[in-house]
Protein backbone atom coordinates (compact mmCIF):
# COMPACT_ATOMS: atom_id res chain seq x y z
CA MET A 1 0.03 0.07 -0.10
CA LEU A 2 1.38 3.58 -0.78
CA PRO A 3 2.19 5.13 2.40
CA ALA A 4 0.43 8.31 3.67
CA ILE A 5 2.49 11.61 2.79
CA ARG A 6 1.99 14.40 5.15
CA MET A 7 3.04 18.14 3.87
CA ARG A 8 4.16 20.64 6.40
CA TYR A 9 3.71 24.22 5.78
CA LEU A 10 6.13 26.84 6.83
CA VAL A 11 5.34 30.43 7.76
CA GLN A 12 6.41 33.35 5.78
CA PRO A 13 8.62 35.70 7.75
CA SER A 14 7.16 38.69 6.14
CA THR A 15 3.47 38.12 6.67
CA GLY A 16 3.58 35.56 9.64
CA GLN A 17 0.77 33.50 7.47
CA PRO A 18 1.37 30.08 6.57
CA ASP A 19 2.99 29.46 3.29
CA ARG A 20 1.11 26.94 1.27
CA ARG A 21 3.91 25.40 -0.44
CA PRO A 22 4.87 22.34 1.14
CA SER A 23 8.44 22.26 2.58
CA GLU A 24 9.13 18.57 2.44
CA PHE A 25 7.76 15.10 2.15
CA SER A 26 7.78 12.92 5.44
CA ARG A 27 5.95 10.17 6.77
CA ASP A 28 5.84 11.67 10.37
CA GLY A 29 5.34 15.47 9.89
CA ALA A 30 8.60 16.35 11.11
CA ALA A 31 9.94 19.76 9.17
CA ALA A 32 13.09 19.01 7.37
CA GLY A 33 13.79 22.67 6.43
CA VAL A 34 14.03 21.46 2.66
CA TRP A 35 12.21 23.39 0.04
CA PHE A 36 10.71 21.58 -3.28
CA PRO A 37 9.69 23.46 -6.01
CA ARG A 38 6.24 22.39 -7.54
CA ALA A 39 8.14 20.78 -10.43
CA SER A 40 10.28 18.65 -8.10
CA ARG A 41 7.29 17.78 -6.16
CA VAL A 42 5.49 16.39 -9.13
CA MET A 43 8.49 14.72 -10.53
CA LEU A 44 9.22 13.05 -7.00
CA LEU A 45 5.24 11.86 -6.60
CA ALA A 46 5.33 10.35 -10.04
CA ALA A 47 8.65 8.40 -9.57
CA LEU A 48 7.25 7.32 -6.16
CA LEU A 49 4.16 6.06 -7.65
CA ALA A 50 6.03 4.42 -10.77
CA ALA A 51 8.13 2.59 -8.38
CA VAL A 52 5.10 1.20 -6.20
CA LEU A 53 3.23 0.11 -9.23
CA ALA A 54 6.28 -1.59 -10.80
CA ALA A 55 6.88 -3.59 -7.71
CA ARG A 56 3.32 -4.34 -7.42
CA GLY A 57 3.46 -5.39 -11.10
CA ALA A 58 6.40 -7.55 -10.67
CA PHE A 59 4.75 -9.31 -7.86
CA ALA A 60 1.51 -10.03 -9.70
CA ALA A 61 3.42 -11.40 -12.79
CA GLY A 62 5.16 -13.88 -10.65
CA PRO A 63 8.50 -15.44 -11.83
CA PRO A 64 9.02 -15.32 -15.43
CA LEU A 65 8.48 -18.28 -17.74
CA ARG A 66 11.49 -20.07 -19.63
CA VAL A 67 11.63 -22.95 -22.00
CA VAL A 68 14.27 -25.75 -21.36
CA ILE A 69 14.84 -28.07 -24.40
CA GLN A 70 16.78 -31.66 -23.68
CA PRO A 71 17.18 -33.11 -27.07
CA SER A 72 19.04 -36.24 -26.04
CA GLN A 73 16.03 -37.17 -23.62
CA GLY A 74 13.50 -35.93 -26.20
CA THR A 75 11.78 -33.31 -23.64
CA LEU A 76 10.66 -29.70 -23.83
CA GLU A 77 9.96 -28.38 -20.26
CA VAL A 78 8.35 -24.86 -19.13
CA LEU A 79 9.26 -23.54 -15.99
CA ARG A 80 8.18 -20.78 -13.93
CA GLY A 81 11.28 -19.58 -12.20
CA GLU A 82 12.56 -22.77 -10.92
CA GLN A 83 9.02 -24.53 -10.73
CA LYS A 84 8.16 -27.16 -13.53
CA LEU A 85 4.79 -26.37 -15.28
CA LEU A 86 4.99 -28.59 -18.22
CA VAL A 87 6.95 -31.48 -19.81
CA TYR A 88 6.46 -32.28 -23.38
CA ALA A 89 7.83 -35.57 -24.56
CA TYR A 90 8.65 -35.85 -28.18
CA ALA A 91 11.56 -38.65 -28.41
CA THR A 92 11.47 -40.37 -31.80
CA ASN A 93 11.30 -43.82 -30.42
CA GLN A 94 7.73 -42.87 -29.08
CA PHE A 95 4.48 -43.96 -30.88
CA LYS A 96 3.26 -40.26 -30.35
CA PRO A 97 4.37 -36.79 -28.78
CA TYR A 98 2.39 -35.90 -25.94
CA VAL A 99 2.31 -33.77 -22.71
CA ARG A 100 3.88 -36.04 -20.03
CA ALA A 101 3.20 -33.81 -17.06
CA LEU A 102 0.97 -30.56 -16.38
CA TYR A 103 1.34 -28.99 -12.90
CA THR A 104 -0.71 -26.62 -10.93
CA LEU A 105 0.86 -23.44 -9.39
CA GLU A 106 0.74 -25.40 -6.00
CA GLY A 107 3.10 -28.18 -7.89
CA ASP A 108 0.53 -30.91 -8.44
CA ASN A 109 0.93 -33.13 -11.52
CA ILE A 110 -2.64 -33.49 -12.95
CA LEU A 111 -1.78 -36.41 -15.54
CA ARG A 112 -0.72 -40.01 -15.67
CA ASP A 113 1.64 -41.50 -18.21
CA ALA A 114 1.54 -45.16 -19.11
CA PRO A 115 -0.27 -46.57 -16.01
CA ALA A 116 -0.03 -50.09 -15.55
CA ASP A 117 -3.70 -50.79 -16.80
CA HIS A 118 -3.28 -48.97 -19.96
CA LEU A 119 0.28 -48.45 -21.11
CA HIS A 120 -1.12 -46.30 -24.18
CA HIS A 121 -2.60 -43.67 -22.07
CA HIS A 122 0.40 -40.90 -22.21
CA GLY A 123 -0.52 -37.75 -20.26
CA LEU A 124 -2.35 -35.48 -22.57
CA MET A 125 -2.43 -36.94 -26.04
CA TYR A 126 -4.05 -36.58 -29.23
CA ALA A 127 -4.76 -39.50 -31.75
CA VAL A 128 -7.50 -40.93 -34.00
CA ARG A 129 -7.69 -43.44 -36.71
CA VAL A 130 -6.52 -42.57 -39.99
CA ASN A 131 -7.83 -44.55 -43.21
CA GLY A 132 -8.10 -47.50 -40.42
CA THR A 133 -4.99 -47.09 -38.91
CA ASN A 134 -5.05 -46.87 -35.43
CA PHE A 135 -3.14 -44.10 -33.88
CA TRP A 136 -4.58 -44.32 -30.09
CA GLU A 137 -4.02 -47.99 -29.02
CA GLU A 138 -0.34 -49.20 -29.37
CA ARG A 139 -0.66 -52.62 -30.57
CA GLN A 140 -1.45 -54.73 -33.84
CA ASP A 141 0.53 -52.39 -36.07
CA PRO A 142 -0.58 -48.75 -34.54
CA GLY A 143 0.33 -45.77 -36.47
CA HIS A 144 2.77 -43.58 -35.47
CA GLU A 145 3.09 -39.73 -35.04
CA CYS A 146 6.69 -39.21 -35.82
CA SER A 147 8.26 -36.05 -34.36
CA VAL A 148 10.09 -34.53 -37.48
CA LYS A 149 11.31 -31.09 -36.05
CA LEU A 150 10.76 -28.52 -33.26
CA LEU A 151 10.01 -25.46 -35.65
CA SER A 152 10.21 -22.81 -32.89
CA HIS A 153 9.77 -22.06 -29.23
CA ARG A 154 9.73 -18.44 -27.55
CA VAL A 155 8.39 -16.77 -24.35
CA ALA A 156 6.22 -13.83 -24.87
CA THR A 157 3.27 -11.71 -23.53
CA GLY A 158 -0.19 -12.69 -24.64
CA PRO A 159 -2.85 -10.33 -25.82
CA THR A 160 -4.27 -10.33 -22.52
CA GLY A 161 -0.98 -9.35 -20.94
CA GLN A 162 -0.54 -12.76 -19.32
CA PRO A 163 3.01 -14.41 -19.65
CA GLU A 164 3.01 -17.39 -21.99
CA ALA A 165 5.53 -19.98 -23.26
CA VAL A 166 4.89 -21.08 -27.04
CA PHE A 167 6.17 -23.94 -28.96
CA THR A 168 5.54 -25.44 -32.35
CA GLN A 169 6.35 -29.03 -34.00
CA LEU A 170 6.20 -30.64 -37.02
CA ILE A 171 4.76 -34.16 -37.01
CA HIS A 172 4.21 -36.77 -39.77
CA TRP A 173 1.28 -39.39 -39.15
CA VAL A 174 2.44 -42.70 -40.97
CA ALA A 175 1.70 -46.51 -40.90
CA ALA A 176 4.15 -48.80 -38.53
CA LYS A 177 5.68 -49.95 -41.76
CA ASP A 178 6.91 -46.47 -42.67
CA ALA A 179 7.71 -45.36 -38.97
CA GLY A 180 11.57 -46.17 -39.57
CA LEU A 181 11.94 -44.32 -42.73
CA ALA A 182 14.85 -41.42 -42.71
CA ASP A 183 12.49 -39.46 -44.49
CA THR A 184 8.80 -39.94 -43.81
CA THR A 185 7.32 -37.20 -45.91
CA PRO A 186 6.09 -39.25 -48.80
CA ALA A 187 4.73 -41.84 -46.49
CA ALA A 188 2.77 -39.21 -44.52
CA LEU A 189 -0.64 -39.78 -44.16
CA LEU A 190 -1.40 -36.56 -42.27
CA VAL A 191 1.20 -33.65 -42.00
CA GLU A 192 0.52 -31.66 -38.77
CA GLN A 193 1.92 -28.59 -37.40
CA ARG A 194 1.13 -28.59 -33.79
CA THR A 195 1.17 -25.45 -31.49
CA LEU A 196 1.09 -25.56 -27.83
CA THR A 197 0.60 -22.36 -25.81
CA LEU A 198 1.21 -22.37 -21.87
CA THR A 199 -0.18 -19.38 -19.90
CA VAL A 200 -0.25 -18.22 -16.26
CA ASP A 201 -2.91 -16.39 -14.74
CA GLU A 202 -1.74 -15.21 -11.66
CA ASP A 203 -4.91 -13.61 -10.13
CA GLN A 204 -6.97 -16.75 -10.67
CA ARG A 205 -4.13 -19.12 -9.77
CA GLU A 206 -4.88 -20.83 -13.15
CA VAL A 207 -2.48 -22.68 -15.80
CA GLY A 208 -3.92 -22.81 -19.13
CA LEU A 209 -2.87 -24.96 -22.06
CA ARG A 210 -4.30 -24.07 -25.55
CA TRP A 211 -3.64 -27.07 -28.02
CA GLN A 212 -3.72 -25.96 -31.60
CA ALA A 213 -2.98 -28.19 -34.68
CA GLU A 214 -3.08 -27.54 -38.31
CA PHE A 215 -3.31 -30.60 -40.54
CA GLN A 216 -2.82 -31.21 -44.27
CA ALA A 217 -3.69 -34.42 -45.81
CA GLY A 218 -0.39 -36.08 -46.72
CA PRO A 219 1.08 -37.44 -50.15
CA ALA A 220 0.64 -41.24 -49.01
CA ALA A 221 -3.13 -41.29 -49.97
CA GLN A 222 -5.60 -39.62 -52.35
CA LYS A 223 -8.26 -39.58 -49.63
CA ILE A 224 -8.33 -39.26 -45.92
CA THR A 225 -10.95 -40.55 -43.54
CA LEU A 226 -10.69 -39.76 -39.63
CA SER A 227 -12.65 -42.16 -37.37
CA GLY A 228 -12.12 -43.73 -34.13
CA ALA A 229 -13.71 -45.17 -30.86
CA ASN A 230 -16.01 -42.69 -28.91
CA TYR A 231 -13.09 -41.43 -26.73
CA HIS A 232 -10.48 -40.92 -29.68
CA GLY A 233 -9.56 -37.41 -29.80
CA LEU A 234 -7.76 -34.92 -27.31
CA GLY A 235 -7.79 -37.08 -24.06
CA LEU A 236 -6.10 -37.09 -20.68
CA ARG A 237 -5.68 -39.60 -17.85
CA LEU A 238 -6.52 -38.18 -14.52
CA PRO A 239 -4.59 -38.69 -11.34
CA VAL A 240 -5.26 -42.02 -9.39
CA GLU A 241 -6.82 -39.76 -6.66
CA PHE A 242 -9.81 -39.10 -9.19
CA ASP A 243 -10.66 -42.65 -9.80
CA HIS A 244 -14.20 -43.44 -8.61
CA ALA A 245 -14.46 -40.24 -6.77
CA ALA A 246 -14.19 -37.24 -9.09
CA GLN A 247 -17.01 -35.00 -10.12
CA HIS A 248 -17.60 -34.40 -13.83
CA GLN A 249 -19.85 -31.44 -15.23
CA ASN A 250 -20.46 -29.97 -18.64
CA SER A 251 -21.64 -26.91 -20.18
CA GLU A 252 -25.19 -28.03 -20.83
CA GLY A 253 -25.80 -29.51 -17.09
CA LEU A 254 -26.46 -33.01 -18.69
CA PRO A 255 -26.37 -35.71 -16.41
CA TYR A 256 -24.17 -38.82 -16.25
CA SER A 257 -24.87 -42.53 -15.92
CA ALA A 258 -24.74 -44.32 -12.37
CA ALA A 259 -21.72 -46.22 -13.36
CA GLN A 260 -19.91 -43.92 -15.32
CA ARG A 261 -18.10 -46.16 -17.28
CA GLY A 262 -17.85 -44.26 -20.51
CA ASP A 263 -20.23 -41.46 -20.95
CA VAL A 264 -20.40 -39.26 -24.24
CA THR A 265 -22.09 -36.03 -23.75
CA ALA A 266 -22.81 -33.37 -26.53
CA ALA A 267 -21.51 -30.05 -24.73
CA ARG A 268 -19.31 -27.04 -25.38
CA TRP A 269 -16.76 -27.79 -22.68
CA SER A 270 -16.25 -30.45 -19.95
CA ALA A 271 -14.86 -30.21 -16.54
CA VAL A 272 -13.74 -32.45 -13.62
CA SER A 273 -13.04 -31.88 -10.15
CA HIS A 274 -11.38 -33.49 -7.04
CA THR A 275 -8.56 -33.34 -4.59
CA ILE A 276 -4.69 -33.83 -5.23
CA ASN A 277 -2.32 -33.82 -2.09
CA GLY A 278 -4.98 -32.17 -0.20
CA HIS A 279 -5.72 -29.45 -2.80
CA GLU A 280 -8.86 -29.25 -4.69
CA VAL A 281 -8.37 -28.64 -8.43
CA THR A 282 -10.84 -27.97 -11.59
CA ILE A 283 -9.78 -29.38 -14.79
CA ALA A 284 -11.63 -27.86 -17.52
CA LEU A 285 -11.40 -28.98 -21.34
CA PHE A 286 -13.04 -26.42 -23.84
CA ASN A 287 -13.87 -26.78 -27.66
CA ARG A 288 -13.71 -24.10 -30.00
CA PRO A 289 -16.96 -24.22 -32.30
CA SER A 290 -14.65 -24.04 -35.34
CA ASN A 291 -13.52 -27.50 -34.95
CA ALA A 292 -14.83 -29.96 -37.55
CA GLY A 293 -17.28 -32.63 -36.61
CA GLN A 294 -19.49 -32.54 -33.49
CA SER A 295 -18.37 -31.53 -30.21
CA ARG A 296 -18.45 -34.59 -27.87
CA PHE A 297 -16.83 -35.25 -24.40
CA PHE A 298 -16.06 -38.46 -23.25
CA THR A 299 -16.12 -39.00 -19.22
CA MET A 300 -15.19 -42.03 -17.11
CA LEU A 301 -14.71 -42.68 -13.41
CA ASP A 302 -14.86 -46.42 -13.28
CA ALA A 303 -12.65 -48.16 -13.38
CA PHE A 304 -10.34 -45.08 -13.75
CA ALA A 305 -10.84 -41.60 -14.31
CA TYR A 306 -10.77 -40.45 -17.76
CA LEU A 307 -11.56 -36.99 -19.99
CA SER A 308 -11.30 -36.34 -23.56
CA ALA A 309 -12.62 -34.09 -26.35
CA THR A 310 -13.77 -36.08 -29.29
CA GLN A 311 -15.26 -35.06 -32.85
CA ASN A 312 -18.08 -37.77 -32.82
CA LEU A 313 -15.92 -39.59 -35.13
CA ASP A 314 -17.32 -43.11 -34.11
CA GLN A 315 -20.79 -42.07 -35.49
CA ALA A 316 -19.68 -39.66 -38.34
CA PRO A 317 -16.12 -39.95 -39.76
CA LEU A 318 -14.80 -36.83 -41.48
CA THR A 319 -13.16 -37.22 -45.07
CA TYR A 320 -10.51 -34.99 -46.50
CA SER A 321 -8.85 -35.17 -50.11
CA ALA A 322 -4.98 -34.78 -50.80
CA GLY A 323 -3.87 -31.29 -50.00
CA ASP A 324 -7.11 -30.24 -47.94
CA MET A 325 -6.35 -28.33 -44.71
CA PHE A 326 -8.00 -28.51 -41.22
CA ARG A 327 -7.77 -27.51 -37.82
CA ILE A 328 -8.33 -28.48 -34.11
CA ASP A 329 -8.35 -25.64 -31.45
CA TYR A 330 -9.02 -26.83 -27.60
CA LEU A 331 -8.05 -25.07 -24.28
CA LEU A 332 -7.33 -26.96 -21.16
CA THR A 333 -7.44 -24.91 -17.71
CA VAL A 334 -6.25 -26.06 -14.22
CA SER A 335 -7.51 -23.91 -11.32
CA PRO A 336 -7.78 -24.20 -7.88
CA GLY A 337 -10.95 -25.02 -5.87
CA ARG A 338 -14.15 -26.57 -7.32
CA ARG A 339 -15.54 -24.24 -10.28
CA ASN A 340 -19.01 -24.09 -10.87
CA ARG A 341 -20.95 -24.15 -14.34
CA GLU A 342 -21.55 -20.53 -14.23
CA VAL A 343 -17.89 -19.66 -13.64
CA LEU A 344 -16.36 -22.17 -16.25
CA THR A 345 -19.08 -20.81 -18.79
CA GLN A 346 -17.73 -17.31 -18.11
CA ARG A 347 -14.15 -18.58 -18.63
CA TYR A 348 -15.13 -20.37 -21.72
CA ASP A 349 -16.56 -16.96 -22.99
CA ARG A 350 -13.44 -15.25 -22.30
CA TRP A 351 -11.32 -17.50 -24.25
CA LEU A 352 -13.58 -17.26 -27.29
CA ARG A 353 -13.49 -13.23 -27.17
CA ALA A 354 -9.80 -13.21 -26.71
CA PRO A 355 -8.18 -11.32 -29.52
CA PRO A 356 -5.67 -13.05 -31.72
CA GLY A 357 -2.09 -12.99 -30.73
CA THR A 358 0.83 -15.09 -30.14
CA GLY A 359 -0.07 -18.60 -29.69
CA ASN A 360 -3.80 -17.26 -29.61
CA ARG A 361 -5.01 -17.21 -33.10
CA PRO A 362 -8.59 -18.33 -33.94
């Protein structure tokens, strides 16, 4: 808080009346006997106010974000000061690149990677079937999302003034038989340019992760059909504490089944809340209306907790011709506490209204 500044007035010797020009600035009103011309007083006040506001701004912004790449391990990390916020795994011996870990500002990881019951559940990942080749389950000649190149990475300030870390990767989707090629370009069913943007909202204690991808039907097929199970899309395996106990909700207020072994809900967003390490957290997944297909969310509690955003590909596959372009755009937010439907809908609307910017294009 800006300290109160008292002004002490001196008596004019010639008149015996108080001189309304303040002689000094002090916190206790003690006369310093130093005269400050009006211009100096204005400049001093302005400088003091600027210093206080700068200190407040630095505190509100928190530690700066930085990107750390470890090519030998095939990982990209986003850190906030010394605190790890995200680990992206893109090693060439994987079936797919994915977000291995995503942390709250309290330091809790909300993702599970390759749990014993489903080894192909990798944190936060995107996969579907392409011309019948399964890129989700990693068995029976699965497809490979081959990491080709990390195109760019940077730390910036987003259009709403929040710090953000942005990176873009080139990925070729190929059949199992072509995964070992030195150049996978001719064998690519899909050519993907994936951009992930991590933001930190200090006021709301929110970590946001925007997942954007631009696809082009590759040279390996004249026609591309996207299909899959009702859970294929952008999915995340939730912490073990969420199993059987977490609370799902959606934008439309639609109910879930009693068993919750796999519900599919037509909604604009879906969220799940529970406690990790004593900290209550809400994880919300938002769909942008421009995404192709029909917005659906797969949710599950038994036998484990899961959430994925799908395009209803099991009911209505999408078809593209060679050279066609298409995009997906989702936002995942991680916030403390149990956020209700009204609050989450307001957050969704703010995302849709956000101006284009670094890593935030429509």
